[in-house]
Amino acid sequence: MKVTREEVTLEILELLLKLRYLLEHEAAVYYIENPHRILPSVQIRYKRVCAYFAYLNITIKDIKHFYDLEFIEAFKEYQFSDQIIDTVYLGIENFYKIEDIKSESLKEIIDRIIRFRSSYIQIIENFFGGMRIMGIPSVEEMVSKAFVAESIKDIDTVIERLNKVIAHLLFPQTKEFELDILIDKYNFPTEDYKTLDKKEWDDYYEGI
């Protein structure tokens, strides 16, 4: 069985979003120094991501090293994939040439795209999910359902395109990973972290 780079990229992006709530506030140091205190579902995701990169001989040192994308600086003999080269050219136009990009500037490119994606998702979450919390009528109640449905389709299209760009940037020459090798050689967790994640959220809200 194989895992595609698109599937791996989605796991990475979901983990980065999860860690955003832990590592971008005053308690961040606590979780960095005590990673075992992080929710089990997040720990499983992190171990899976570490295994993916170990598969490519890239070591992720710790949660912060991953969250800050420092591991990208370990990419050796990097080559952009043909499918993404035009997008990269447009993105770096007037700054530097493709052949001049070093690991540091590659990290900056990927970081900015990922942060844009995260900010975009956060804005959408706040707009579509936060309106009702504030006691304001939801978007569905203010405009037609058809308009909302079309808007969501547009949003999904943007996210899917960003996911594809990030997948090609992170794994330009690696299209898929062998699951058996991940498990046998890199301690790849196979637990159902999504079900565990749902249970953790359910338990949290039941306790409020």
C-alpha atoms as a PDB file:
ATOM      1  CA  MET A   1       0.000   0.000   0.000  1.00  0.00           C
ATOM      2  CA  LYS A   2       1.202   3.490  -0.845  1.00  0.00           C
ATOM      3  CA  VAL A   3       0.583   6.942   0.597  1.00  0.00           C
ATOM      4  CA  THR A   4       0.612   9.794  -1.913  1.00  0.00           C
ATOM      5  CA  ARG A   5       2.467  13.039  -1.375  1.00  0.00           C
ATOM      6  CA  GLU A   6      -0.880  14.839  -1.503  1.00  0.00           C
ATOM      7  CA  GLU A   7      -2.149  12.740   1.417  1.00  0.00           C
ATOM      8  CA  VAL A   8       1.081  13.317   3.326  1.00  0.00           C
ATOM      9  CA  THR A   9       0.934  17.053   2.676  1.00  0.00           C
ATOM     10  CA  LEU A  10      -2.609  17.229   4.007  1.00  0.00           C
ATOM     11  CA  GLU A  11      -1.493  15.491   7.206  1.00  0.00           C
ATOM     12  CA  ILE A  12       1.362  17.972   7.562  1.00  0.00           C
ATOM     13  CA  LEU A  13      -0.906  20.974   7.039  1.00  0.00           C
ATOM     14  CA  GLU A  14      -3.516  19.650   9.455  1.00  0.00           C
ATOM     15  CA  LEU A  15      -0.823  19.102  12.087  1.00  0.00           C
ATOM     16  CA  LEU A  16       0.523  22.623  11.600  1.00  0.00           C
ATOM     17  CA  LEU A  17      -2.980  23.984  12.180  1.00  0.00           C
ATOM     18  CA  LYS A  18      -3.344  21.872  15.319  1.00  0.00           C
ATOM     19  CA  LEU A  19       0.003  23.065  16.661  1.00  0.00           C
ATOM     20  CA  ARG A  20      -0.853  26.680  15.951  1.00  0.00           C
ATOM     21  CA  TYR A  21      -3.192  26.669  18.946  1.00  0.00           C
ATOM     22  CA  LEU A  22      -0.419  25.268  21.176  1.00  0.00           C
ATOM     23  CA  LEU A  23       2.694  27.055  20.003  1.00  0.00           C
ATOM     24  CA  GLU A  24       1.448  30.564  19.327  1.00  0.00           C
ATOM     25  CA  HIS A  25       0.531  31.602  22.846  1.00  0.00           C
ATOM     26  CA  GLU A  26       2.278  32.104  26.186  1.00  0.00           C
ATOM     27  CA  ALA A  27       2.103  28.422  27.156  1.00  0.00           C
ATOM     28  CA  ALA A  28       4.127  27.361  24.093  1.00  0.00           C
ATOM     29  CA  VAL A  29       7.328  26.760  26.076  1.00  0.00           C
ATOM     30  CA  TYR A  30       5.512  24.310  28.343  1.00  0.00           C
ATOM     31  CA  TYR A  31       4.457  22.132  25.406  1.00  0.00           C
ATOM     32  CA  ILE A  32       7.852  22.378  23.731  1.00  0.00           C
ATOM     33  CA  GLU A  33       9.551  21.190  26.915  1.00  0.00           C
ATOM     34  CA  ASN A  34       6.816  18.624  27.691  1.00  0.00           C
ATOM     35  CA  PRO A  35       5.674  17.189  24.347  1.00  0.00           C
ATOM     36  CA  HIS A  36       4.145  14.198  26.150  1.00  0.00           C
ATOM     37  CA  ARG A  37       1.511  16.626  27.488  1.00  0.00           C
ATOM     38  CA  ILE A  38       0.215  17.276  23.990  1.00  0.00           C
ATOM     39  CA  LEU A  39      -3.016  15.490  23.097  1.00  0.00           C
ATOM     40  CA  PRO A  40      -2.388  11.858  22.023  1.00  0.00           C
ATOM     41  CA  SER A  41      -4.012  12.402  18.609  1.00  0.00           C
ATOM     42  CA  VAL A  42      -1.580  15.249  17.911  1.00  0.00           C
ATOM     43  CA  GLN A  43       1.365  13.161  19.111  1.00  0.00           C
ATOM     44  CA  ILE A  44       0.377  10.413  16.669  1.00  0.00           C
ATOM     45  CA  ARG A  45       0.151  12.901  13.809  1.00  0.00           C
ATOM     46  CA  TYR A  46       3.580  14.262  14.719  1.00  0.00           C
ATOM     47  CA  LYS A  47       5.154  10.783  14.791  1.00  0.00           C
ATOM     48  CA  ARG A  48       3.651  10.028  11.398  1.00  0.00           C
ATOM     49  CA  VAL A  49       5.091  13.228   9.922  1.00  0.00           C
ATOM     50  CA  CYS A  50       8.515  12.467  11.420  1.00  0.00           C
ATOM     51  CA  ALA A  51       8.364   9.026   9.785  1.00  0.00           C
ATOM     52  CA  TYR A  52       7.527  10.501   6.382  1.00  0.00           C
ATOM     53  CA  PHE A  53      10.592  12.720   6.470  1.00  0.00           C
ATOM     54  CA  ALA A  54      12.822  10.018   7.971  1.00  0.00           C
ATOM     55  CA  TYR A  55      11.839   8.011   4.873  1.00  0.00           C
ATOM     56  CA  LEU A  56      13.582  10.806   2.910  1.00  0.00           C
ATOM     57  CA  ASN A  57      16.580  10.914   5.288  1.00  0.00           C
ATOM     58  CA  ILE A  58      15.434  14.177   6.847  1.00  0.00           C
ATOM     59  CA  THR A  59      15.361  14.426  10.634  1.00  0.00           C
ATOM     60  CA  ILE A  60      12.786  16.488  12.521  1.00  0.00           C
ATOM     61  CA  LYS A  61      14.345  17.267  15.896  1.00  0.00           C
ATOM     62  CA  ASP A  62      11.276  18.273  17.878  1.00  0.00           C
ATOM     63  CA  ILE A  63       7.847  19.889  17.687  1.00  0.00           C
ATOM     64  CA  LYS A  64       9.233  23.419  17.362  1.00  0.00           C
ATOM     65  CA  HIS A  65      11.745  22.358  14.719  1.00  0.00           C
ATOM     66  CA  PHE A  66       8.815  21.022  12.706  1.00  0.00           C
ATOM     67  CA  TYR A  67       6.432  23.911  13.364  1.00  0.00           C
ATOM     68  CA  ASP A  68       9.041  26.500  12.349  1.00  0.00           C
ATOM     69  CA  LEU A  69       9.792  24.469   9.190  1.00  0.00           C
ATOM     70  CA  GLU A  70      13.473  24.401  10.102  1.00  0.00           C
ATOM     71  CA  PHE A  71      13.761  20.868   8.693  1.00  0.00           C
ATOM     72  CA  ILE A  72      13.435  22.313   5.178  1.00  0.00           C
ATOM     73  CA  GLU A  73      16.968  23.646   5.497  1.00  0.00           C
ATOM     74  CA  ALA A  74      18.125  20.006   5.458  1.00  0.00           C
ATOM     75  CA  PHE A  75      16.803  19.477   1.913  1.00  0.00           C
ATOM     76  CA  LYS A  76      19.789  18.517  -0.264  1.00  0.00           C
ATOM     77  CA  GLU A  77      20.179  18.894  -4.027  1.00  0.00           C
ATOM     78  CA  TYR A  78      16.657  20.272  -4.212  1.00  0.00           C
ATOM     79  CA  GLN A  79      14.938  20.419  -7.598  1.00  0.00           C
ATOM     80  CA  PHE A  80      11.527  21.892  -8.259  1.00  0.00           C
ATOM     81  CA  SER A  81       9.019  19.518  -9.836  1.00  0.00           C
ATOM     82  CA  ASP A  82       8.009  20.273 -13.406  1.00  0.00           C
ATOM     83  CA  GLN A  83       4.343  20.552 -12.397  1.00  0.00           C
ATOM     84  CA  ILE A  84       5.002  23.519 -10.137  1.00  0.00           C
ATOM     85  CA  ILE A  85       7.853  25.334 -11.845  1.00  0.00           C
ATOM     86  CA  ASP A  86       5.640  27.972 -13.535  1.00  0.00           C
ATOM     87  CA  THR A  87       3.937  28.798 -10.233  1.00  0.00           C
ATOM     88  CA  VAL A  88       7.316  29.181  -8.546  1.00  0.00           C
ATOM     89  CA  TYR A  89       8.618  31.416 -11.319  1.00  0.00           C
ATOM     90  CA  LEU A  90       5.625  33.727 -10.922  1.00  0.00           C
ATOM     91  CA  GLY A  91       6.011  33.767  -7.145  1.00  0.00           C
ATOM     92  CA  ILE A  92       9.701  34.741  -7.117  1.00  0.00           C
ATOM     93  CA  GLU A  93       9.728  37.001 -10.159  1.00  0.00           C
ATOM     94  CA  ASN A  94      12.015  40.027  -9.681  1.00  0.00           C
ATOM     95  CA  PHE A  95      13.501  38.547  -6.471  1.00  0.00           C
ATOM     96  CA  TYR A  96      15.877  35.770  -7.524  1.00  0.00           C
ATOM     97  CA  LYS A  97      16.336  33.022 -10.071  1.00  0.00           C
ATOM     98  CA  ILE A  98      15.340  29.410  -9.561  1.00  0.00           C
ATOM     99  CA  GLU A  99      18.963  28.267  -9.573  1.00  0.00           C
ATOM    100  CA  ASP A 100      19.830  30.797  -6.860  1.00  0.00           C
ATOM    101  CA  ILE A 101      17.297  29.472  -4.347  1.00  0.00           C
ATOM    102  CA  LYS A 102      19.002  28.015  -1.283  1.00  0.00           C
ATOM    103  CA  SER A 103      17.422  26.031   1.521  1.00  0.00           C
ATOM    104  CA  GLU A 104      16.811  29.226   3.510  1.00  0.00           C
ATOM    105  CA  SER A 105      14.897  30.934   0.700  1.00  0.00           C
ATOM    106  CA  LEU A 106      13.044  27.709  -0.106  1.00  0.00           C
ATOM    107  CA  LYS A 107      11.941  27.598   3.532  1.00  0.00           C
ATOM    108  CA  GLU A 108      10.724  31.191   3.245  1.00  0.00           C
ATOM    109  CA  ILE A 109       8.723  30.418   0.098  1.00  0.00           C
ATOM    110  CA  ILE A 110       7.032  27.368   1.635  1.00  0.00           C
ATOM    111  CA  ASP A 111       6.508  29.125   4.956  1.00  0.00           C
ATOM    112  CA  ARG A 112       4.748  32.082   3.351  1.00  0.00           C
ATOM    113  CA  ILE A 113       2.425  29.875   1.307  1.00  0.00           C
ATOM    114  CA  ILE A 114       1.554  27.741   4.347  1.00  0.00           C
ATOM    115  CA  ARG A 115       0.956  30.804   6.508  1.00  0.00           C
ATOM    116  CA  PHE A 116      -1.256  32.315   3.821  1.00  0.00           C
ATOM    117  CA  ARG A 117      -3.250  29.064   3.726  1.00  0.00           C
ATOM    118  CA  SER A 118      -3.560  29.035   7.537  1.00  0.00           C
ATOM    119  CA  SER A 119      -4.656  32.675   7.639  1.00  0.00           C
ATOM    120  CA  TYR A 120      -7.140  32.069   4.838  1.00  0.00           C
ATOM    121  CA  ILE A 121      -8.674  29.113   6.673  1.00  0.00           C
ATOM    122  CA  GLN A 122      -8.793  31.094   9.917  1.00  0.00           C
ATOM    123  CA  ILE A 123     -10.634  33.967   8.229  1.00  0.00           C
ATOM    124  CA  ILE A 124     -13.158  31.548   6.727  1.00  0.00           C
ATOM    125  CA  GLU A 125     -13.613  29.756  10.047  1.00  0.00           C
ATOM    126  CA  ASN A 126     -14.193  33.058  11.826  1.00  0.00           C
ATOM    127  CA  PHE A 127     -16.605  34.299   9.177  1.00  0.00           C
ATOM    128  CA  PHE A 128     -18.667  31.167   8.692  1.00  0.00           C
ATOM    129  CA  GLY A 129     -18.372  29.766  12.194  1.00  0.00           C
ATOM    130  CA  GLY A 130     -18.000  32.815  14.379  1.00  0.00           C
ATOM    131  CA  MET A 131     -21.052  34.767  13.295  1.00  0.00           C
ATOM    132  CA  ARG A 132     -23.520  32.537  15.151  1.00  0.00           C
ATOM    133  CA  ILE A 133     -21.333  32.471  18.268  1.00  0.00           C
ATOM    134  CA  MET A 134     -21.553  36.262  18.452  1.00  0.00           C
ATOM    135  CA  GLY A 135     -25.338  36.098  18.230  1.00  0.00           C
ATOM    136  CA  ILE A 136     -25.401  37.484  14.705  1.00  0.00           C
ATOM    137  CA  PRO A 137     -27.493  35.647  12.085  1.00  0.00           C
ATOM    138  CA  SER A 138     -25.414  33.130  10.175  1.00  0.00           C
ATOM    139  CA  VAL A 139     -24.382  33.684   6.591  1.00  0.00           C
ATOM    140  CA  GLU A 140     -26.968  31.110   5.479  1.00  0.00           C
ATOM    141  CA  GLU A 141     -29.696  33.224   7.081  1.00  0.00           C
ATOM    142  CA  MET A 142     -28.514  36.442   5.497  1.00  0.00           C
ATOM    143  CA  VAL A 143     -28.059  35.274   1.923  1.00  0.00           C
ATOM    144  CA  SER A 144     -29.411  32.508  -0.254  1.00  0.00           C
ATOM    145  CA  LYS A 145     -28.269  28.928   0.308  1.00  0.00           C
ATOM    146  CA  ALA A 146     -27.219  28.727  -3.325  1.00  0.00           C
ATOM    147  CA  PHE A 147     -24.813  31.642  -2.897  1.00  0.00           C
ATOM    148  CA  VAL A 148     -23.282  30.081   0.208  1.00  0.00           C
ATOM    149  CA  ALA A 149     -22.881  26.725  -1.549  1.00  0.00           C
ATOM    150  CA  GLU A 150     -21.066  28.371  -4.450  1.00  0.00           C
ATOM    151  CA  SER A 151     -18.866  30.359  -2.076  1.00  0.00           C
ATOM    152  CA  ILE A 152     -17.836  27.187  -0.248  1.00  0.00           C
ATOM    153  CA  LYS A 153     -16.965  25.561  -3.580  1.00  0.00           C
ATOM    154  CA  ASP A 154     -14.715  28.522  -4.402  1.00  0.00           C
ATOM    155  CA  ILE A 155     -13.066  28.302  -0.984  1.00  0.00           C
ATOM    156  CA  ASP A 156     -12.433  24.587  -1.403  1.00  0.00           C
ATOM    157  CA  THR A 157     -10.890  25.233  -4.825  1.00  0.00           C
ATOM    158  CA  VAL A 158      -8.441  27.770  -3.401  1.00  0.00           C
ATOM    159  CA  ILE A 159      -7.441  25.431  -0.574  1.00  0.00           C
ATOM    160  CA  GLU A 160      -7.022  22.489  -2.960  1.00  0.00           C
ATOM    161  CA  ARG A 161      -4.760  24.556  -5.224  1.00  0.00           C
ATOM    162  CA  LEU A 162      -2.665  25.679  -2.276  1.00  0.00           C
ATOM    163  CA  ASN A 163      -2.423  22.072  -1.062  1.00  0.00           C
ATOM    164  CA  LYS A 164      -1.168  21.000  -4.480  1.00  0.00           C
ATOM    165  CA  VAL A 165       1.461  23.742  -4.627  1.00  0.00           C
ATOM    166  CA  ILE A 166       2.717  22.895  -1.132  1.00  0.00           C
ATOM    167  CA  ALA A 167       2.811  19.154  -1.953  1.00  0.00           C
ATOM    168  CA  HIS A 168       5.010  19.771  -4.973  1.00  0.00           C
ATOM    169  CA  LEU A 169       7.275  22.114  -3.011  1.00  0.00           C
ATOM    170  CA  LEU A 170       7.731  19.700  -0.092  1.00  0.00           C
ATOM    171  CA  PHE A 171       8.062  16.567  -2.211  1.00  0.00           C
ATOM    172  CA  PRO A 172       9.191  17.566  -5.707  1.00  0.00           C
ATOM    173  CA  GLN A 173      10.560  14.147  -6.688  1.00  0.00           C
ATOM    174  CA  THR A 174       8.706  11.889  -4.229  1.00  0.00           C
ATOM    175  CA  LYS A 175       5.215  11.094  -5.452  1.00  0.00           C
ATOM    176  CA  GLU A 176       4.375   8.381  -2.919  1.00  0.00           C
ATOM    177  CA  PHE A 177       5.572   6.529   0.169  1.00  0.00           C
ATOM    178  CA  GLU A 178       5.566   2.768   0.797  1.00  0.00           C
ATOM    179  CA  LEU A 179       3.450   2.147   3.891  1.00  0.00           C
ATOM    180  CA  ASP A 180       5.194  -1.150   4.708  1.00  0.00           C
ATOM    181  CA  ILE A 181       8.596   0.565   4.755  1.00  0.00           C
ATOM    182  CA  LEU A 182       7.253   3.392   6.903  1.00  0.00           C
ATOM    183  CA  ILE A 183       5.963   0.875   9.455  1.00  0.00           C
ATOM    184  CA  ASP A 184       8.911  -1.537   9.403  1.00  0.00           C
ATOM    185  CA  LYS A 185      11.774   0.959   9.322  1.00  0.00           C
ATOM    186  CA  TYR A 186      10.474   4.245  10.719  1.00  0.00           C
ATOM    187  CA  ASN A 187       8.040   3.325  13.532  1.00  0.00           C
ATOM    188  CA  PHE A 188       5.099   4.754  11.628  1.00  0.00           C
ATOM    189  CA  PRO A 189       1.983   4.842  13.882  1.00  0.00           C
ATOM    190  CA  THR A 190      -1.107   3.205  12.419  1.00  0.00           C
ATOM    191  CA  GLU A 191      -3.592   4.213  15.127  1.00  0.00           C
ATOM    192  CA  ASP A 192      -6.820   5.867  13.996  1.00  0.00           C
ATOM    193  CA  TYR A 193      -5.870   9.373  15.108  1.00  0.00           C
ATOM    194  CA  LYS A 194      -8.956  10.948  13.548  1.00  0.00           C
ATOM    195  CA  THR A 195     -11.324   8.918  15.701  1.00  0.00           C
ATOM    196  CA  LEU A 196      -9.157   9.681  18.724  1.00  0.00           C
ATOM    197  CA  ASP A 197      -9.187  13.363  17.806  1.00  0.00           C
ATOM    198  CA  LYS A 198     -12.996  13.378  17.701  1.00  0.00           C
ATOM    199  CA  LYS A 199     -13.175  11.654  21.082  1.00  0.00           C
ATOM    200  CA  GLU A 200     -10.804  14.221  22.596  1.00  0.00           C
ATOM    201  CA  TRP A 201     -12.965  17.061  21.317  1.00  0.00           C
ATOM    202  CA  ASP A 202     -16.159  15.381  22.518  1.00  0.00           C
ATOM    203  CA  ASP A 203     -14.631  14.811  25.964  1.00  0.00           C
ATOM    204  CA  TYR A 204     -13.481  18.422  26.083  1.00  0.00           C
ATOM    205  CA  TYR A 205     -16.892  19.879  25.274  1.00  0.00           C
ATOM    206  CA  GLU A 206     -18.652  17.518  27.653  1.00  0.00           C
ATOM    207  CA  GLY A 207     -16.453  18.895  30.417  1.00  0.00           C
ATOM    208  CA  ILE A 208     -17.350  22.521  29.762  1.00  0.00           C
END
